[in-house]
All heavy atoms as atom14 arrays in JSON, in Angstrom:
{
  "sequence": "PAALHGIVGIKATLGIIPTHGVVPACADYDAVTVFAADL",
  "atom14_mask": [
    [1, 1, 1, 1, 1, 1, 1, 0, 0, 0, 0, 0, 0, 0],
    [1, 1, 1, 1, 1, 0, 0, 0, 0, 0, 0, 0, 0, 0],
    [1, 1, 1, 1, 1, 0, 0, 0, 0, 0, 0, 0, 0, 0],
    [1, 1, 1, 1, 1, 1, 1, 1, 0, 0, 0, 0, 0, 0],
    [1, 1, 1, 1, 1, 1, 1, 1, 1, 1, 0, 0, 0, 0],
    [1, 1, 1, 1, 0, 0, 0, 0, 0, 0, 0, 0, 0, 0],
    [1, 1, 1, 1, 1, 1, 1, 1, 0, 0, 0, 0, 0, 0],
    [1, 1, 1, 1, 1, 1, 1, 0, 0, 0, 0, 0, 0, 0],
    [1, 1, 1, 1, 0, 0, 0, 0, 0, 0, 0, 0, 0, 0],
    [1, 1, 1, 1, 1, 1, 1, 1, 0, 0, 0, 0, 0, 0],
    [1, 1, 1, 1, 1, 1, 1, 1, 1, 0, 0, 0, 0, 0],
    [1, 1, 1, 1, 1, 0, 0, 0, 0, 0, 0, 0, 0, 0],
    [1, 1, 1, 1, 1, 1, 1, 0, 0, 0, 0, 0, 0, 0],
    [1, 1, 1, 1, 1, 1, 1, 1, 0, 0, 0, 0, 0, 0],
    [1, 1, 1, 1, 0, 0, 0, 0, 0, 0, 0, 0, 0, 0],
    [1, 1, 1, 1, 1, 1, 1, 1, 0, 0, 0, 0, 0, 0],
    [1, 1, 1, 1, 1, 1, 1, 1, 0, 0, 0, 0, 0, 0],
    [1, 1, 1, 1, 1, 1, 1, 0, 0, 0, 0, 0, 0, 0],
    [1, 1, 1, 1, 1, 1, 1, 0, 0, 0, 0, 0, 0, 0],
    [1, 1, 1, 1, 1, 1, 1, 1, 1, 1, 0, 0, 0, 0],
    [1, 1, 1, 1, 0, 0, 0, 0, 0, 0, 0, 0, 0, 0],
    [1, 1, 1, 1, 1, 1, 1, 0, 0, 0, 0, 0, 0, 0],
    [1, 1, 1, 1, 1, 1, 1, 0, 0, 0, 0, 0, 0, 0],
    [1, 1, 1, 1, 1, 1, 1, 0, 0, 0, 0, 0, 0, 0],
    [1, 1, 1, 1, 1, 0, 0, 0, 0, 0, 0, 0, 0, 0],
    [1, 1, 1, 1, 1, 1, 0, 0, 0, 0, 0, 0, 0, 0],
    [1, 1, 1, 1, 1, 0, 0, 0, 0, 0, 0, 0, 0, 0],
    [1, 1, 1, 1, 1, 1, 1, 1, 0, 0, 0, 0, 0, 0],
    [1, 1, 1, 1, 1, 1, 1, 1, 1, 1, 1, 1, 0, 0],
    [1, 1, 1, 1, 1, 1, 1, 1, 0, 0, 0, 0, 0, 0],
    [1, 1, 1, 1, 1, 0, 0, 0, 0, 0, 0, 0, 0, 0],
    [1, 1, 1, 1, 1, 1, 1, 0, 0, 0, 0, 0, 0, 0],
    [1, 1, 1, 1, 1, 1, 1, 0, 0, 0, 0, 0, 0, 0],
    [1, 1, 1, 1, 1, 1, 1, 0, 0, 0, 0, 0, 0, 0],
    [1, 1, 1, 1, 1, 1, 1, 1, 1, 1, 1, 0, 0, 0],
    [1, 1, 1, 1, 1, 0, 0, 0, 0, 0, 0, 0, 0, 0],
    [1, 1, 1, 1, 1, 0, 0, 0, 0, 0, 0, 0, 0, 0],
    [1, 1, 1, 1, 1, 1, 1, 1, 0, 0, 0, 0, 0, 0],
    [1, 1, 1, 1, 1, 1, 1, 1, 0, 0, 0, 0, 0, 0]
  ],
  "atom14_positions": [
    [[4.94, -17.64, 4.82], [5.43, -18.77, 5.62], [4.5, -19.13, 6.77], [4.44, -20.3, 7.17], [6.8, -18.3, 6.13], [6.81, -16.83, 5.95], [5.88, -16.51, 4.84], [0.0, 0.0, 0.0], [0.0, 0.0, 0.0], [0.0, 0.0, 0.0], [0.0, 0.0, 0.0], [0.0, 0.0, 0.0], [0.0, 0.0, 0.0], [0.0, 0.0, 0.0]],
    [[3.75, -18.17, 7.29], [2.76, -18.49, 8.33], [1.67, -19.38, 7.74], [1.27, -20.38, 8.34], [2.17, -17.21, 8.9], [0.0, 0.0, 0.0], [0.0, 0.0, 0.0], [0.0, 0.0, 0.0], [0.0, 0.0, 0.0], [0.0, 0.0, 0.0], [0.0, 0.0, 0.0], [0.0, 0.0, 0.0], [0.0, 0.0, 0.0], [0.0, 0.0, 0.0]],
    [[1.2, -19.03, 6.56], [0.14, -19.81, 5.92], [0.6, -21.23, 5.63], [-0.18, -22.18, 5.77], [-0.29, -19.13, 4.63], [0.0, 0.0, 0.0], [0.0, 0.0, 0.0], [0.0, 0.0, 0.0], [0.0, 0.0, 0.0], [0.0, 0.0, 0.0], [0.0, 0.0, 0.0], [0.0, 0.0, 0.0], [0.0, 0.0, 0.0], [0.0, 0.0, 0.0]],
    [[1.86, -21.4, 5.24], [2.36, -22.73, 4.89], [2.64, -23.6, 6.12], [2.94, -24.78, 5.97], [3.63, -22.61, 4.05], [3.45, -21.97, 2.67], [4.75, -22.05, 1.87], [2.32, -22.62, 1.89], [0.0, 0.0, 0.0], [0.0, 0.0, 0.0], [0.0, 0.0, 0.0], [0.0, 0.0, 0.0], [0.0, 0.0, 0.0], [0.0, 0.0, 0.0]],
    [[2.53, -23.02, 7.32], [2.78, -23.77, 8.55], [1.59, -23.81, 9.5], [1.68, -24.4, 10.58], [4.0, -23.21, 9.28], [5.29, -23.51, 8.6], [5.84, -22.67, 7.66], [6.13, -24.58, 8.69], [6.96, -23.21, 7.21], [7.16, -24.35, 7.82], [0.0, 0.0, 0.0], [0.0, 0.0, 0.0], [0.0, 0.0, 0.0], [0.0, 0.0, 0.0]],
    [[0.5, -23.16, 9.14], [-0.66, -23.17, 10.01], [-0.45, -22.41, 11.3], [-1.05, -22.73, 12.33], [0.0, 0.0, 0.0], [0.0, 0.0, 0.0], [0.0, 0.0, 0.0], [0.0, 0.0, 0.0], [0.0, 0.0, 0.0], [0.0, 0.0, 0.0], [0.0, 0.0, 0.0], [0.0, 0.0, 0.0], [0.0, 0.0, 0.0], [0.0, 0.0, 0.0]],
    [[0.4, -21.38, 11.24], [0.6, -20.51, 12.41], [0.08, -19.12, 12.07], [-0.4, -18.87, 10.97], [2.09, -20.46, 12.83], [2.97, -19.9, 11.71], [2.57, -21.86, 13.25], [4.43, -19.71, 12.1], [0.0, 0.0, 0.0], [0.0, 0.0, 0.0], [0.0, 0.0, 0.0], [0.0, 0.0, 0.0], [0.0, 0.0, 0.0], [0.0, 0.0, 0.0]],
    [[0.18, -18.21, 13.03], [-0.33, -16.85, 12.84], [0.8, -15.93, 12.4], [1.89, -15.95, 12.97], [-0.94, -16.32, 14.15], [-1.35, -14.85, 14.0], [-2.14, -17.16, 14.56], [0.0, 0.0, 0.0], [0.0, 0.0, 0.0], [0.0, 0.0, 0.0], [0.0, 0.0, 0.0], [0.0, 0.0, 0.0], [0.0, 0.0, 0.0], [0.0, 0.0, 0.0]],
    [[0.53, -15.14, 11.38], [1.46, -14.1, 10.95], [0.74, -12.77, 10.93], [-0.3, -12.64, 10.27], [0.0, 0.0, 0.0], [0.0, 0.0, 0.0], [0.0, 0.0, 0.0], [0.0, 0.0, 0.0], [0.0, 0.0, 0.0], [0.0, 0.0, 0.0], [0.0, 0.0, 0.0], [0.0, 0.0, 0.0], [0.0, 0.0, 0.0], [0.0, 0.0, 0.0]],
    [[1.24, -11.8, 11.67], [0.6, -10.48, 11.74], [1.46, -9.44, 11.04], [2.64, -9.27, 11.37], [0.37, -10.04, 13.19], [-0.73, -10.89, 13.84], [-0.02, -8.57, 13.25], [-1.06, -10.49, 15.26], [0.0, 0.0, 0.0], [0.0, 0.0, 0.0], [0.0, 0.0, 0.0], [0.0, 0.0, 0.0], [0.0, 0.0, 0.0], [0.0, 0.0, 0.0]],
    [[0.87, -8.79, 10.06], [1.47, -7.6, 9.45], [0.58, -6.42, 9.79], [-0.54, -6.3, 9.29], [1.6, -7.74, 7.94], [2.19, -6.5, 7.26], [2.22, -6.64, 5.75], [2.86, -5.39, 5.12], [2.94, -5.49, 3.64], [0.0, 0.0, 0.0], [0.0, 0.0, 0.0], [0.0, 0.0, 0.0], [0.0, 0.0, 0.0], [0.0, 0.0, 0.0]],
    [[1.07, -5.56, 10.67], [0.3, -4.39, 11.06], [0.33, -3.34, 9.96], [1.15, -3.38, 9.04], [0.85, -3.81, 12.36], [0.0, 0.0, 0.0], [0.0, 0.0, 0.0], [0.0, 0.0, 0.0], [0.0, 0.0, 0.0], [0.0, 0.0, 0.0], [0.0, 0.0, 0.0], [0.0, 0.0, 0.0], [0.0, 0.0, 0.0], [0.0, 0.0, 0.0]],
    [[-0.59, -2.37, 10.04], [-0.58, -1.24, 9.13], [0.8, -0.58, 9.15], [1.42, -0.43, 10.22], [-1.64, -0.21, 9.57], [-2.93, -0.85, 9.53], [-1.66, 1.01, 8.65], [0.0, 0.0, 0.0], [0.0, 0.0, 0.0], [0.0, 0.0, 0.0], [0.0, 0.0, 0.0], [0.0, 0.0, 0.0], [0.0, 0.0, 0.0], [0.0, 0.0, 0.0]],
    [[1.29, -0.2, 7.98], [2.62, 0.42, 7.91], [2.72, 1.61, 8.85], [1.83, 2.45, 8.9], [2.9, 0.87, 6.48], [2.96, -0.23, 5.41], [3.25, 0.36, 4.04], [4.01, -1.28, 5.77], [0.0, 0.0, 0.0], [0.0, 0.0, 0.0], [0.0, 0.0, 0.0], [0.0, 0.0, 0.0], [0.0, 0.0, 0.0], [0.0, 0.0, 0.0]],
    [[3.8, 1.63, 9.62], [4.03, 2.72, 10.57], [3.63, 2.39, 11.98], [4.02, 3.11, 12.91], [0.0, 0.0, 0.0], [0.0, 0.0, 0.0], [0.0, 0.0, 0.0], [0.0, 0.0, 0.0], [0.0, 0.0, 0.0], [0.0, 0.0, 0.0], [0.0, 0.0, 0.0], [0.0, 0.0, 0.0], [0.0, 0.0, 0.0], [0.0, 0.0, 0.0]],
    [[2.89, 1.3, 12.2], [2.47, 0.95, 13.55], [3.64, 0.35, 14.34], [3.89, 0.74, 15.49], [1.3, -0.05, 13.52], [0.07, 0.59, 12.87], [0.97, -0.56, 14.92], [-0.49, 1.76, 13.63], [0.0, 0.0, 0.0], [0.0, 0.0, 0.0], [0.0, 0.0, 0.0], [0.0, 0.0, 0.0], [0.0, 0.0, 0.0], [0.0, 0.0, 0.0]],
    [[4.36, -0.58, 13.74], [5.56, -1.17, 14.35], [6.77, -0.58, 13.64], [6.89, -0.69, 12.43], [5.56, -2.7, 14.23], [4.38, -3.3, 14.99], [6.86, -3.29, 14.75], [4.23, -4.8, 14.85], [0.0, 0.0, 0.0], [0.0, 0.0, 0.0], [0.0, 0.0, 0.0], [0.0, 0.0, 0.0], [0.0, 0.0, 0.0], [0.0, 0.0, 0.0]],
    [[7.67, 0.07, 14.37], [8.78, 0.77, 13.71], [9.72, -0.18, 12.97], [9.96, -1.3, 13.41], [9.5, 1.47, 14.87], [9.09, 0.74, 16.1], [7.71, 0.23, 15.84], [0.0, 0.0, 0.0], [0.0, 0.0, 0.0], [0.0, 0.0, 0.0], [0.0, 0.0, 0.0], [0.0, 0.0, 0.0], [0.0, 0.0, 0.0], [0.0, 0.0, 0.0]],
    [[10.23, 0.3, 11.84], [11.19, -0.47, 11.06], [12.63, -0.03, 11.31], [13.53, -0.41, 10.56], [10.87, -0.37, 9.55], [10.86, 1.0, 9.16], [9.53, -1.01, 9.24], [0.0, 0.0, 0.0], [0.0, 0.0, 0.0], [0.0, 0.0, 0.0], [0.0, 0.0, 0.0], [0.0, 0.0, 0.0], [0.0, 0.0, 0.0], [0.0, 0.0, 0.0]],
    [[12.83, 0.74, 12.36], [14.21, 1.08, 12.75], [15.01, -0.2, 12.94], [14.54, -1.16, 13.56], [14.2, 1.88, 14.06], [15.53, 1.9, 14.75], [15.85, 1.02, 15.77], [16.63, 2.67, 14.57], [17.08, 1.25, 16.18], [17.57, 2.25, 15.47], [0.0, 0.0, 0.0], [0.0, 0.0, 0.0], [0.0, 0.0, 0.0], [0.0, 0.0, 0.0]],
    [[16.22, -0.24, 12.39], [17.09, -1.4, 12.56], [16.85, -2.52, 11.58], [17.39, -3.61, 11.74], [0.0, 0.0, 0.0], [0.0, 0.0, 0.0], [0.0, 0.0, 0.0], [0.0, 0.0, 0.0], [0.0, 0.0, 0.0], [0.0, 0.0, 0.0], [0.0, 0.0, 0.0], [0.0, 0.0, 0.0], [0.0, 0.0, 0.0], [0.0, 0.0, 0.0]],
    [[16.07, -2.26, 10.54], [15.79, -3.26, 9.5], [16.59, -2.92, 8.25], [16.6, -1.77, 7.8], [14.28, -3.28, 9.16], [14.0, -4.21, 7.97], [13.47, -3.71, 10.37], [0.0, 0.0, 0.0], [0.0, 0.0, 0.0], [0.0, 0.0, 0.0], [0.0, 0.0, 0.0], [0.0, 0.0, 0.0], [0.0, 0.0, 0.0], [0.0, 0.0, 0.0]],
    [[17.26, -3.93, 7.69], [17.9, -3.75, 6.39], [16.79, -3.62, 5.36], [15.98, -4.53, 5.2], [18.79, -4.96, 6.04], [19.39, -4.79, 4.64], [19.9, -5.13, 7.07], [0.0, 0.0, 0.0], [0.0, 0.0, 0.0], [0.0, 0.0, 0.0], [0.0, 0.0, 0.0], [0.0, 0.0, 0.0], [0.0, 0.0, 0.0], [0.0, 0.0, 0.0]],
    [[16.7, -2.5, 4.66], [15.54, -2.3, 3.78], [15.55, -3.21, 2.55], [16.59, -3.43, 1.94], [15.64, -0.83, 3.39], [17.09, -0.48, 3.57], [17.59, -1.32, 4.69], [0.0, 0.0, 0.0], [0.0, 0.0, 0.0], [0.0, 0.0, 0.0], [0.0, 0.0, 0.0], [0.0, 0.0, 0.0], [0.0, 0.0, 0.0], [0.0, 0.0, 0.0]],
    [[14.37, -3.73, 2.24], [14.16, -4.37, 0.94], [13.55, -3.33, 0.01], [14.04, -3.06, -1.07], [13.24, -5.58, 1.07], [0.0, 0.0, 0.0], [0.0, 0.0, 0.0], [0.0, 0.0, 0.0], [0.0, 0.0, 0.0], [0.0, 0.0, 0.0], [0.0, 0.0, 0.0], [0.0, 0.0, 0.0], [0.0, 0.0, 0.0], [0.0, 0.0, 0.0]],
    [[12.47, -2.7, 0.49], [11.88, -1.53, -0.15], [11.29, -0.7, 0.98], [10.23, -1.03, 1.51], [10.8, -1.93, -1.16], [10.03, -0.5, -1.97], [0.0, 0.0, 0.0], [0.0, 0.0, 0.0], [0.0, 0.0, 0.0], [0.0, 0.0, 0.0], [0.0, 0.0, 0.0], [0.0, 0.0, 0.0], [0.0, 0.0, 0.0], [0.0, 0.0, 0.0]],
    [[12.02, 0.34, 1.37], [11.7, 1.07, 2.61], [10.27, 1.59, 2.65], [9.67, 1.7, 3.71], [12.69, 2.21, 2.8], [0.0, 0.0, 0.0], [0.0, 0.0, 0.0], [0.0, 0.0, 0.0], [0.0, 0.0, 0.0], [0.0, 0.0, 0.0], [0.0, 0.0, 0.0], [0.0, 0.0, 0.0], [0.0, 0.0, 0.0], [0.0, 0.0, 0.0]],
    [[9.7, 1.91, 1.49], [8.34, 2.44, 1.47], [7.3, 1.4, 1.85], [6.17, 1.76, 2.23], [8.01, 2.99, 0.08], [8.74, 4.29, -0.23], [9.21, 4.94, 0.73], [8.83, 4.66, -1.41], [0.0, 0.0, 0.0], [0.0, 0.0, 0.0], [0.0, 0.0, 0.0], [0.0, 0.0, 0.0], [0.0, 0.0, 0.0], [0.0, 0.0, 0.0]],
    [[7.66, 0.12, 1.76], [6.67, -0.94, 1.98], [7.08, -1.94, 3.05], [6.28, -2.81, 3.41], [6.4, -1.69, 0.66], [5.79, -0.82, -0.4], [6.57, -0.29, -1.42], [4.43, -0.52, -0.36], [6.02, 0.52, -2.39], [3.87, 0.31, -1.34], [4.67, 0.82, -2.34], [4.11, 1.63, -3.29], [0.0, 0.0, 0.0], [0.0, 0.0, 0.0]],
    [[8.28, -1.84, 3.58], [8.74, -2.78, 4.6], [7.91, -2.68, 5.87], [7.51, -1.59, 6.28], [10.21, -2.53, 4.96], [11.17, -2.85, 3.83], [10.81, -3.65, 2.95], [12.29, -2.3, 3.84], [0.0, 0.0, 0.0], [0.0, 0.0, 0.0], [0.0, 0.0, 0.0], [0.0, 0.0, 0.0], [0.0, 0.0, 0.0], [0.0, 0.0, 0.0]],
    [[7.7, -3.82, 6.52], [7.02, -3.87, 7.81], [7.67, -4.94, 8.67], [8.09, -5.98, 8.15], [5.53, -4.18, 7.64], [0.0, 0.0, 0.0], [0.0, 0.0, 0.0], [0.0, 0.0, 0.0], [0.0, 0.0, 0.0], [0.0, 0.0, 0.0], [0.0, 0.0, 0.0], [0.0, 0.0, 0.0], [0.0, 0.0, 0.0], [0.0, 0.0, 0.0]],
    [[7.78, -4.69, 9.96], [8.21, -5.72, 10.91], [6.98, -6.52, 11.31], [5.93, -5.94, 11.63], [8.88, -5.09, 12.14], [9.19, -6.15, 13.19], [10.17, -4.37, 11.74], [0.0, 0.0, 0.0], [0.0, 0.0, 0.0], [0.0, 0.0, 0.0], [0.0, 0.0, 0.0], [0.0, 0.0, 0.0], [0.0, 0.0, 0.0], [0.0, 0.0, 0.0]],
    [[7.1, -7.84, 11.28], [5.95, -8.71, 11.5], [6.19, -9.69, 12.63], [7.31, -9.86, 13.11], [5.62, -9.48, 10.22], [6.76, -10.24, 9.82], [5.23, -8.55, 9.09], [0.0, 0.0, 0.0], [0.0, 0.0, 0.0], [0.0, 0.0, 0.0], [0.0, 0.0, 0.0], [0.0, 0.0, 0.0], [0.0, 0.0, 0.0], [0.0, 0.0, 0.0]],
    [[5.12, -10.36, 13.03], [5.14, -11.29, 14.15], [4.61, -12.65, 13.71], [3.6, -12.73, 13.01], [4.26, -10.78, 15.31], [4.22, -11.8, 16.45], [4.76, -9.44, 15.83], [0.0, 0.0, 0.0], [0.0, 0.0, 0.0], [0.0, 0.0, 0.0], [0.0, 0.0, 0.0], [0.0, 0.0, 0.0], [0.0, 0.0, 0.0], [0.0, 0.0, 0.0]],
    [[5.31, -13.72, 14.14], [4.8, -15.08, 14.01], [4.57, -15.65, 15.4], [5.35, -15.41, 16.32], [5.82, -16.0, 13.31], [6.17, -15.61, 11.91], [7.38, -14.99, 11.62], [5.3, -15.89, 10.87], [7.71, -14.65, 10.33], [5.62, -15.54, 9.56], [6.83, -14.92, 9.28], [0.0, 0.0, 0.0], [0.0, 0.0, 0.0], [0.0, 0.0, 0.0]],
    [[3.5, -16.42, 15.55], [3.24, -17.12, 16.8], [2.34, -18.31, 16.51], [1.7, -18.39, 15.46], [2.58, -16.19, 17.83], [0.0, 0.0, 0.0], [0.0, 0.0, 0.0], [0.0, 0.0, 0.0], [0.0, 0.0, 0.0], [0.0, 0.0, 0.0], [0.0, 0.0, 0.0], [0.0, 0.0, 0.0], [0.0, 0.0, 0.0], [0.0, 0.0, 0.0]],
    [[2.28, -19.22, 17.46], [1.45, -20.41, 17.29], [-0.03, -20.09, 17.37], [-0.85, -20.82, 16.81], [1.82, -21.47, 18.33], [0.0, 0.0, 0.0], [0.0, 0.0, 0.0], [0.0, 0.0, 0.0], [0.0, 0.0, 0.0], [0.0, 0.0, 0.0], [0.0, 0.0, 0.0], [0.0, 0.0, 0.0], [0.0, 0.0, 0.0], [0.0, 0.0, 0.0]],
    [[-0.39, -19.01, 18.05], [-1.8, -18.66, 18.19], [-1.96, -17.14, 18.16], [-1.0, -16.39, 18.35], [-2.39, -19.23, 19.48], [-1.7, -18.71, 20.72], [-1.98, -17.58, 21.13], [-0.87, -19.45, 21.29], [0.0, 0.0, 0.0], [0.0, 0.0, 0.0], [0.0, 0.0, 0.0], [0.0, 0.0, 0.0], [0.0, 0.0, 0.0], [0.0, 0.0, 0.0]],
    [[-3.18, -16.71, 17.92], [-3.46, -15.28, 17.73], [-3.2, -14.49, 19.0], [-2.69, -13.37, 18.94], [-4.9, -15.1, 17.26], [-5.32, -13.67, 16.94], [-4.47, -13.09, 15.81], [-6.81, -13.63, 16.55], [0.0, 0.0, 0.0], [0.0, 0.0, 0.0], [0.0, 0.0, 0.0], [0.0, 0.0, 0.0], [0.0, 0.0, 0.0], [0.0, 0.0, 0.0]]
  ]
}
């Protein structure tokens, strides 16, 4: 969705941003990510 809107989407290396409090889709691969207008 970041690519389709020309905004920034950051997916950090797994384990850098905690996934505590996330409903799992696939816990081994889930990551919490960030969207913003600029880097």
